[in-house]
Amino acid sequence: MKSRLAILSVIAVVLSACTTVAVSSNPLQARWNGKSAGAFFASFGPQVADTAGPGGTTLYTWRGGFGSGRPCVVELTVSKNYTIKTIHAVSDRIDPKGGPSHCEKTLDAV
């Protein structure tokens, strides 16, 4: 009985150490999540709007990349320590040839 309990304990410890790391399929998230929002805004210009979020986070809306047609618009969720937690495109132009989108090119995510 004691040996079974010991084996189960070891298995539980081993399994609890396993983690799953999600690899982002979103190039914007892969490029910017975990980075400084200050570096983002210094590189691409200030946000156009901000809203207080839960737990001290802030939701920023950024607009830029004014080329031909409509601009790139993204929303960034930023933590209290000014680190980007999430970023996603709200308005983007998809490359008809299957290449990177307008926002991906504009925000160095390619």
Protein backbone atom coordinates (compact mmCIF):
# COMPACT_ATOMS: atom_id res chain seq x y z
CA MET A 1 0.00 0.00 0.00
CA LYS A 2 2.79 2.42 0.91
CA SER A 3 4.63 1.67 -2.33
CA ARG A 4 1.49 2.41 -4.37
CA LEU A 5 1.06 5.72 -2.58
CA ALA A 6 4.71 6.59 -3.17
CA ILE A 7 4.42 5.73 -6.87
CA LEU A 8 1.25 7.79 -7.23
CA SER A 9 2.93 10.71 -5.47
CA VAL A 10 5.90 10.57 -7.83
CA ILE A 11 3.61 10.41 -10.87
CA ALA A 12 1.58 13.37 -9.58
CA VAL A 13 4.75 15.45 -9.11
CA VAL A 14 6.04 14.56 -12.56
CA LEU A 15 2.73 15.39 -14.23
CA SER A 16 2.35 18.65 -12.35
CA ALA A 17 5.72 19.76 -13.71
CA CYS A 18 4.47 19.41 -17.29
CA THR A 19 3.40 22.63 -18.94
CA THR A 20 2.07 23.48 -22.33
CA VAL A 21 3.58 26.44 -24.10
CA ALA A 22 1.31 28.01 -26.66
CA VAL A 23 3.04 29.22 -29.79
CA SER A 24 1.19 32.18 -31.19
CA SER A 25 -0.03 31.86 -34.76
CA ASN A 26 -0.62 35.63 -34.75
CA PRO A 27 2.59 37.36 -35.94
CA LEU A 28 1.65 40.57 -34.08
CA GLN A 29 1.40 38.68 -30.79
CA ALA A 30 4.56 36.71 -31.52
CA ARG A 31 6.44 39.98 -32.13
CA TRP A 32 4.99 42.21 -29.39
CA ASN A 33 3.59 40.18 -26.46
CA GLY A 34 5.83 40.66 -23.43
CA LYS A 35 7.55 43.71 -24.91
CA SER A 36 7.44 47.26 -23.55
CA ALA A 37 4.49 49.37 -24.64
CA GLY A 38 6.88 52.32 -24.41
CA ALA A 39 9.06 50.78 -27.14
CA PHE A 40 5.96 50.17 -29.28
CA PHE A 41 4.66 53.74 -28.97
CA ALA A 42 8.16 55.24 -29.37
CA SER A 43 8.57 53.34 -32.63
CA PHE A 44 5.11 53.84 -34.12
CA GLY A 45 3.58 56.90 -32.46
CA PRO A 46 1.09 57.51 -29.66
CA GLN A 47 -2.19 55.76 -29.10
CA VAL A 48 -5.46 57.34 -30.23
CA ALA A 49 -7.48 56.09 -27.26
CA ASP A 50 -7.08 54.36 -23.92
CA THR A 51 -9.46 52.73 -21.46
CA ALA A 52 -8.82 51.43 -17.96
CA GLY A 53 -9.17 47.67 -17.74
CA PRO A 54 -9.45 45.12 -14.93
CA GLY A 55 -6.54 44.49 -12.57
CA GLY A 56 -4.74 47.69 -13.45
CA THR A 57 -4.47 46.90 -17.17
CA THR A 58 -5.07 49.49 -19.86
CA LEU A 59 -6.56 48.92 -23.31
CA TYR A 60 -4.90 51.14 -25.90
CA THR A 61 -6.05 51.71 -29.47
CA TRP A 62 -3.34 52.61 -31.96
CA ARG A 63 -3.83 53.72 -35.56
CA GLY A 64 -1.12 54.16 -38.18
CA GLY A 65 0.39 52.87 -41.37
CA PHE A 66 -1.53 55.32 -43.51
CA GLY A 67 -0.62 54.26 -47.00
CA SER A 68 -2.99 53.40 -49.74
CA GLY A 69 -6.46 52.76 -48.40
CA ARG A 70 -7.43 52.26 -44.80
CA PRO A 71 -4.91 52.32 -41.94
CA CYS A 72 -3.81 49.62 -39.56
CA VAL A 73 -5.73 49.76 -36.26
CA VAL A 74 -4.69 47.56 -33.33
CA GLU A 75 -5.73 47.18 -29.71
CA LEU A 76 -3.11 46.49 -27.07
CA THR A 77 -3.79 45.30 -23.54
CA VAL A 78 -0.98 46.61 -21.36
CA SER A 79 -0.19 45.56 -17.79
CA LYS A 80 0.52 47.82 -14.81
CA ASN A 81 4.26 47.60 -15.53
CA TYR A 82 3.65 48.80 -19.12
CA THR A 83 4.23 45.41 -20.75
CA ILE A 84 2.10 44.34 -23.72
CA LYS A 85 -0.09 41.39 -22.69
CA THR A 86 -2.09 41.07 -25.92
CA ILE A 87 -2.23 42.78 -29.29
CA HIS A 88 -4.66 42.19 -32.13
CA ALA A 89 -5.65 43.94 -35.32
CA VAL A 90 -9.04 45.66 -35.36
CA SER A 91 -8.70 46.95 -38.93
CA ASP A 92 -6.19 45.44 -41.32
CA ARG A 93 -5.64 44.84 -45.03
CA ILE A 94 -4.96 41.25 -46.00
CA ASP A 95 -2.40 40.67 -48.77
CA PRO A 96 -4.32 39.14 -51.71
CA LYS A 97 -1.21 37.11 -52.61
CA GLY A 98 -1.14 35.46 -49.17
CA GLY A 99 1.75 37.48 -47.76
CA PRO A 100 1.89 39.41 -44.48
CA SER A 101 -1.01 41.75 -43.74
CA HIS A 102 -0.67 45.52 -43.74
CA CYS A 103 -0.48 45.64 -39.91
CA GLU A 104 2.14 42.87 -39.82
CA LYS A 105 4.33 44.83 -42.25
CA THR A 106 3.71 48.16 -40.54
CA LEU A 107 4.47 46.85 -37.04
CA ASP A 108 7.59 44.84 -37.93
CA ALA A 109 5.89 41.52 -37.28
CA VAL A 110 7.25 39.77 -40.36
